[in-house]
Amino acid sequence: MFIEIRRKSLSERLKEAGCPGEYTYSHTLGGRMVVRMPDGEELTPGEAADRYGIPVM
């Protein structure tokens, strides 16, 4: 018996939750991956997940 569990990436789950930001690299934070919101605010992926109620683990 083989059981396969697939989970969507955090970026997909954020989009489905209505997060208007986009994943990008932040030059101001030393090249870290961030979610840049339309107003220019930069959130870490974990902060964005908290804001939109998405479990990370």
PDB file of N, CA and C in Angstrom:
ATOM      1  N   MET A   1       0.839  -1.177   0.000  1.00  0.00           N
ATOM      2  CA  MET A   1       0.000   0.000   0.000  1.00  0.00           C
ATOM      3  C   MET A   1       0.885   1.242   0.000  1.00  0.00           C
ATOM      4  N   PHE A   2       0.547   2.176  -0.846  1.00  0.00           N
ATOM      5  CA  PHE A   2       1.323   3.397  -0.990  1.00  0.00           C
ATOM      6  C   PHE A   2       0.415   4.596  -0.755  1.00  0.00           C
ATOM      7  N   ILE A   3       0.806   5.446   0.166  1.00  0.00           N
ATOM      8  CA  ILE A   3       0.033   6.658   0.460  1.00  0.00           C
ATOM      9  C   ILE A   3       0.906   7.855   0.116  1.00  0.00           C
ATOM     10  N   GLU A   4       0.370   8.714  -0.701  1.00  0.00           N
ATOM     11  CA  GLU A   4       1.107   9.909  -1.090  1.00  0.00           C
ATOM     12  C   GLU A   4       0.349  11.131  -0.591  1.00  0.00           C
ATOM     13  N   ILE A   5       1.057  11.996   0.072  1.00  0.00           N
ATOM     14  CA  ILE A   5       0.458  13.224   0.585  1.00  0.00           C
ATOM     15  C   ILE A   5       1.129  14.391  -0.127  1.00  0.00           C
ATOM     16  N   ARG A   6       0.318  15.193  -0.762  1.00  0.00           N
ATOM     17  CA  ARG A   6       0.849  16.379  -1.444  1.00  0.00           C
ATOM     18  C   ARG A   6       0.332  17.614  -0.735  1.00  0.00           C
ATOM     19  N   ARG A   7       1.211  18.543  -0.546  1.00  0.00           N
ATOM     20  CA  ARG A   7       0.829  19.798   0.093  1.00  0.00           C
ATOM     21  C   ARG A   7       1.216  20.942  -0.824  1.00  0.00           C
ATOM     22  N   LYS A   8       0.356  21.917  -0.928  1.00  0.00           N
ATOM     23  CA  LYS A   8       0.653  23.077  -1.754  1.00  0.00           C
ATOM     24  C   LYS A   8       1.734  23.913  -1.084  1.00  0.00           C
ATOM     25  N   SER A   9       2.470  24.626  -1.908  1.00  0.00           N
ATOM     26  CA  SER A   9       3.507  25.496  -1.362  1.00  0.00           C
ATOM     27  C   SER A   9       2.868  26.647  -0.595  1.00  0.00           C
ATOM     28  N   LEU A  10       3.650  27.263   0.261  1.00  0.00           N
ATOM     29  CA  LEU A  10       3.148  28.386   1.046  1.00  0.00           C
ATOM     30  C   LEU A  10       2.707  29.528   0.135  1.00  0.00           C
ATOM     31  N   SER A  11       3.442  29.770  -0.934  1.00  0.00           N
ATOM     32  CA  SER A  11       3.050  30.853  -1.843  1.00  0.00           C
ATOM     33  C   SER A  11       1.686  30.577  -2.473  1.00  0.00           C
ATOM     34  N   GLU A  12       1.408  29.327  -2.829  1.00  0.00           N
ATOM     35  CA  GLU A  12       0.087  28.982  -3.383  1.00  0.00           C
ATOM     36  C   GLU A  12      -1.007  29.169  -2.340  1.00  0.00           C
ATOM     37  N   ARG A  13      -0.744  28.737  -1.115  1.00  0.00           N
ATOM     38  CA  ARG A  13      -1.742  28.865  -0.060  1.00  0.00           C
ATOM     39  C   ARG A  13      -2.009  30.323   0.295  1.00  0.00           C
ATOM     40  N   LEU A  14      -0.966  31.175   0.241  1.00  0.00           N
ATOM     41  CA  LEU A  14      -1.158  32.600   0.496  1.00  0.00           C
ATOM     42  C   LEU A  14      -2.053  33.220  -0.578  1.00  0.00           C
ATOM     43  N   LYS A  15      -1.812  32.872  -1.839  1.00  0.00           N
ATOM     44  CA  LYS A  15      -2.640  33.409  -2.921  1.00  0.00           C
ATOM     45  C   LYS A  15      -4.087  32.967  -2.767  1.00  0.00           C
ATOM     46  N   GLU A  16      -4.296  31.705  -2.419  1.00  0.00           N
ATOM     47  CA  GLU A  16      -5.657  31.197  -2.230  1.00  0.00           C
ATOM     48  C   GLU A  16      -6.364  31.878  -1.062  1.00  0.00           C
ATOM     49  N   ALA A  17      -5.579  32.321  -0.066  1.00  0.00           N
ATOM     50  CA  ALA A  17      -6.154  32.993   1.103  1.00  0.00           C
ATOM     51  C   ALA A  17      -6.425  34.476   0.842  1.00  0.00           C
ATOM     52  N   GLY A  18      -6.061  34.949  -0.345  1.00  0.00           N
ATOM     53  CA  GLY A  18      -6.338  36.343  -0.696  1.00  0.00           C
ATOM     54  C   GLY A  18      -5.196  37.304  -0.444  1.00  0.00           C
ATOM     55  N   CYS A  19      -4.010  36.804  -0.198  1.00  0.00           N
ATOM     56  CA  CYS A  19      -2.848  37.674   0.020  1.00  0.00           C
ATOM     57  C   CYS A  19      -2.465  38.346  -1.304  1.00  0.00           C
ATOM     58  N   PRO A  20      -2.475  39.680  -1.352  1.00  0.00           N
ATOM     59  CA  PRO A  20      -2.182  40.378  -2.600  1.00  0.00           C
ATOM     60  C   PRO A  20      -0.689  40.541  -2.879  1.00  0.00           C
ATOM     61  N   GLY A  21       0.151  40.112  -1.950  1.00  0.00           N
ATOM     62  CA  GLY A  21       1.591  40.290  -2.121  1.00  0.00           C
ATOM     63  C   GLY A  21       2.195  39.300  -3.093  1.00  0.00           C
ATOM     64  N   GLU A  22       3.474  39.522  -3.417  1.00  0.00           N
ATOM     65  CA  GLU A  22       4.189  38.624  -4.303  1.00  0.00           C
ATOM     66  C   GLU A  22       5.514  38.216  -3.659  1.00  0.00           C
ATOM     67  N   TYR A  23       5.936  36.980  -3.934  1.00  0.00           N
ATOM     68  CA  TYR A  23       7.217  36.508  -3.438  1.00  0.00           C
ATOM     69  C   TYR A  23       8.321  37.155  -4.241  1.00  0.00           C
ATOM     70  N   THR A  24       9.316  37.674  -3.554  1.00  0.00           N
ATOM     71  CA  THR A  24      10.453  38.297  -4.211  1.00  0.00           C
ATOM     72  C   THR A  24      11.635  38.288  -3.251  1.00  0.00           C
ATOM     73  N   TYR A  25      12.793  38.679  -3.740  1.00  0.00           N
ATOM     74  CA  TYR A  25      13.974  38.792  -2.890  1.00  0.00           C
ATOM     75  C   TYR A  25      14.132  40.252  -2.484  1.00  0.00           C
ATOM     76  N   SER A  26      14.421  40.471  -1.215  1.00  0.00           N
ATOM     77  CA  SER A  26      14.562  41.829  -0.699  1.00  0.00           C
ATOM     78  C   SER A  26      16.024  42.252  -0.730  1.00  0.00           C
ATOM     79  N   HIS A  27      16.296  43.320  -1.453  1.00  0.00           N
ATOM     80  CA  HIS A  27      17.655  43.858  -1.486  1.00  0.00           C
ATOM     81  C   HIS A  27      17.993  44.560  -0.177  1.00  0.00           C
ATOM     82  N   THR A  28      16.972  45.099   0.495  1.00  0.00           N
ATOM     83  CA  THR A  28      17.214  45.799   1.752  1.00  0.00           C
ATOM     84  C   THR A  28      17.438  44.842   2.914  1.00  0.00           C
ATOM     85  N   LEU A  29      16.997  43.595   2.778  1.00  0.00           N
ATOM     86  CA  LEU A  29      17.181  42.601   3.849  1.00  0.00           C
ATOM     87  C   LEU A  29      18.245  41.569   3.487  1.00  0.00           C
ATOM     88  N   GLY A  30      19.180  41.941   2.667  1.00  0.00           N
ATOM     89  CA  GLY A  30      20.295  41.057   2.352  1.00  0.00           C
ATOM     90  C   GLY A  30      19.932  39.879   1.464  1.00  0.00           C
ATOM     91  N   GLY A  31      18.959  40.042   0.592  1.00  0.00           N
ATOM     92  CA  GLY A  31      18.614  38.986  -0.342  1.00  0.00           C
ATOM     93  C   GLY A  31      17.660  37.937   0.193  1.00  0.00           C
ATOM     94  N   ARG A  32      17.043  38.198   1.352  1.00  0.00           N
ATOM     95  CA  ARG A  32      16.096  37.233   1.923  1.00  0.00           C
ATOM     96  C   ARG A  32      14.809  37.190   1.116  1.00  0.00           C
ATOM     97  N   MET A  33      14.175  36.023   1.098  1.00  0.00           N
ATOM     98  CA  MET A  33      12.879  35.861   0.444  1.00  0.00           C
ATOM     99  C   MET A  33      11.822  36.531   1.297  1.00  0.00           C
ATOM    100  N   VAL A  34      11.017  37.391   0.675  1.00  0.00           N
ATOM    101  CA  VAL A  34       9.955  38.106   1.383  1.00  0.00           C
ATOM    102  C   VAL A  34       8.687  38.101   0.545  1.00  0.00           C
ATOM    103  N   VAL A  35       7.601  38.475   1.189  1.00  0.00           N
ATOM    104  CA  VAL A  35       6.344  38.725   0.491  1.00  0.00           C
ATOM    105  C   VAL A  35       6.175  40.233   0.479  1.00  0.00           C
ATOM    106  N   ARG A  36       6.239  40.820  -0.716  1.00  0.00           N
ATOM    107  CA  ARG A  36       6.113  42.276  -0.832  1.00  0.00           C
ATOM    108  C   ARG A  36       4.659  42.614  -1.130  1.00  0.00           C
ATOM    109  N   MET A  37       4.069  43.391  -0.229  1.00  0.00           N
ATOM    110  CA  MET A  37       2.675  43.779  -0.354  1.00  0.00           C
ATOM    111  C   MET A  37       2.567  44.958  -1.330  1.00  0.00           C
ATOM    112  N   PRO A  38       1.381  45.210  -1.887  1.00  0.00           N
ATOM    113  CA  PRO A  38       1.212  46.306  -2.850  1.00  0.00           C
ATOM    114  C   PRO A  38       1.625  47.676  -2.316  1.00  0.00           C
ATOM    115  N   ASP A  39       1.521  47.885  -0.994  1.00  0.00           N
ATOM    116  CA  ASP A  39       1.913  49.186  -0.424  1.00  0.00           C
ATOM    117  C   ASP A  39       3.404  49.279  -0.136  1.00  0.00           C
ATOM    118  N   GLY A  40       4.173  48.221  -0.509  1.00  0.00           N
ATOM    119  CA  GLY A  40       5.621  48.229  -0.317  1.00  0.00           C
ATOM    120  C   GLY A  40       6.092  47.546   0.950  1.00  0.00           C
ATOM    121  N   GLU A  41       5.168  47.194   1.833  1.00  0.00           N
ATOM    122  CA  GLU A  41       5.536  46.498   3.067  1.00  0.00           C
ATOM    123  C   GLU A  41       6.133  45.133   2.726  1.00  0.00           C
ATOM    124  N   GLU A  42       7.212  44.783   3.407  1.00  0.00           N
ATOM    125  CA  GLU A  42       7.849  43.487   3.195  1.00  0.00           C
ATOM    126  C   GLU A  42       7.641  42.620   4.421  1.00  0.00           C
ATOM    127  N   LEU A  43       7.079  41.438   4.216  1.00  0.00           N
ATOM    128  CA  LEU A  43       6.846  40.476   5.288  1.00  0.00           C
ATOM    129  C   LEU A  43       7.634  39.217   5.014  1.00  0.00           C
ATOM    130  N   THR A  44       8.103  38.581   6.067  1.00  0.00           N
ATOM    131  CA  THR A  44       8.688  37.261   5.875  1.00  0.00           C
ATOM    132  C   THR A  44       7.548  36.314   5.527  1.00  0.00           C
ATOM    133  N   PRO A  45       7.834  35.177   4.898  1.00  0.00           N
ATOM    134  CA  PRO A  45       6.763  34.229   4.599  1.00  0.00           C
ATOM    135  C   PRO A  45       5.969  33.820   5.846  1.00  0.00           C
ATOM    136  N   GLY A  46       6.639  33.674   6.981  1.00  0.00           N
ATOM    137  CA  GLY A  46       5.958  33.319   8.227  1.00  0.00           C
ATOM    138  C   GLY A  46       5.035  34.414   8.716  1.00  0.00           C
ATOM    139  N   GLU A  47       5.471  35.668   8.595  1.00  0.00           N
ATOM    140  CA  GLU A  47       4.619  36.795   8.996  1.00  0.00           C
ATOM    141  C   GLU A  47       3.376  36.878   8.111  1.00  0.00           C
ATOM    142  N   ALA A  48       3.549  36.665   6.815  1.00  0.00           N
ATOM    143  CA  ALA A  48       2.410  36.693   5.896  1.00  0.00           C
ATOM    144  C   ALA A  48       1.443  35.551   6.214  1.00  0.00           C
ATOM    145  N   ALA A  49       1.971  34.377   6.525  1.00  0.00           N
ATOM    146  CA  ALA A  49       1.119  33.242   6.873  1.00  0.00           C
ATOM    147  C   ALA A  49       0.327  33.537   8.142  1.00  0.00           C
ATOM    148  N   ASP A  50       0.968  34.144   9.132  1.00  0.00           N
ATOM    149  CA  ASP A  50       0.264  34.527  10.366  1.00  0.00           C
ATOM    150  C   ASP A  50      -0.851  35.532  10.072  1.00  0.00           C
ATOM    151  N   ARG A  51      -0.559  36.513   9.247  1.00  0.00           N
ATOM    152  CA  ARG A  51      -1.533  37.555   8.937  1.00  0.00           C
ATOM    153  C   ARG A  51      -2.762  36.986   8.227  1.00  0.00           C
ATOM    154  N   TYR A  52      -2.558  35.974   7.382  1.00  0.00           N
ATOM    155  CA  TYR A  52      -3.666  35.411   6.618  1.00  0.00           C
ATOM    156  C   TYR A  52      -4.174  34.081   7.188  1.00  0.00           C
ATOM    157  N   GLY A  53      -3.732  33.733   8.392  1.00  0.00           N
ATOM    158  CA  GLY A  53      -4.253  32.564   9.090  1.00  0.00           C
ATOM    159  C   GLY A  53      -3.924  31.231   8.455  1.00  0.00           C
ATOM    160  N   ILE A  54      -2.712  31.108   7.915  1.00  0.00           N
ATOM    161  CA  ILE A  54      -2.305  29.877   7.265  1.00  0.00           C
ATOM    162  C   ILE A  54      -1.306  29.145   8.153  1.00  0.00           C
ATOM    163  N   PRO A  55      -1.584  27.882   8.496  1.00  0.00           N
ATOM    164  CA  PRO A  55      -0.611  27.121   9.288  1.00  0.00           C
ATOM    165  C   PRO A  55       0.635  26.817   8.450  1.00  0.00           C
ATOM    166  N   VAL A  56       1.798  27.057   9.022  1.00  0.00           N
ATOM    167  CA  VAL A  56       3.042  26.838   8.300  1.00  0.00           C
ATOM    168  C   VAL A  56       3.468  25.372   8.342  1.00  0.00           C
ATOM    169  N   MET A  57       3.226  24.717   9.436  1.00  0.00           N
ATOM    170  CA  MET A  57       3.621  23.304   9.547  1.00  0.00           C
ATOM    171  C   MET A  57       2.474  22.395   9.290  1.00  0.00           C
TER     172      MET A  57
END
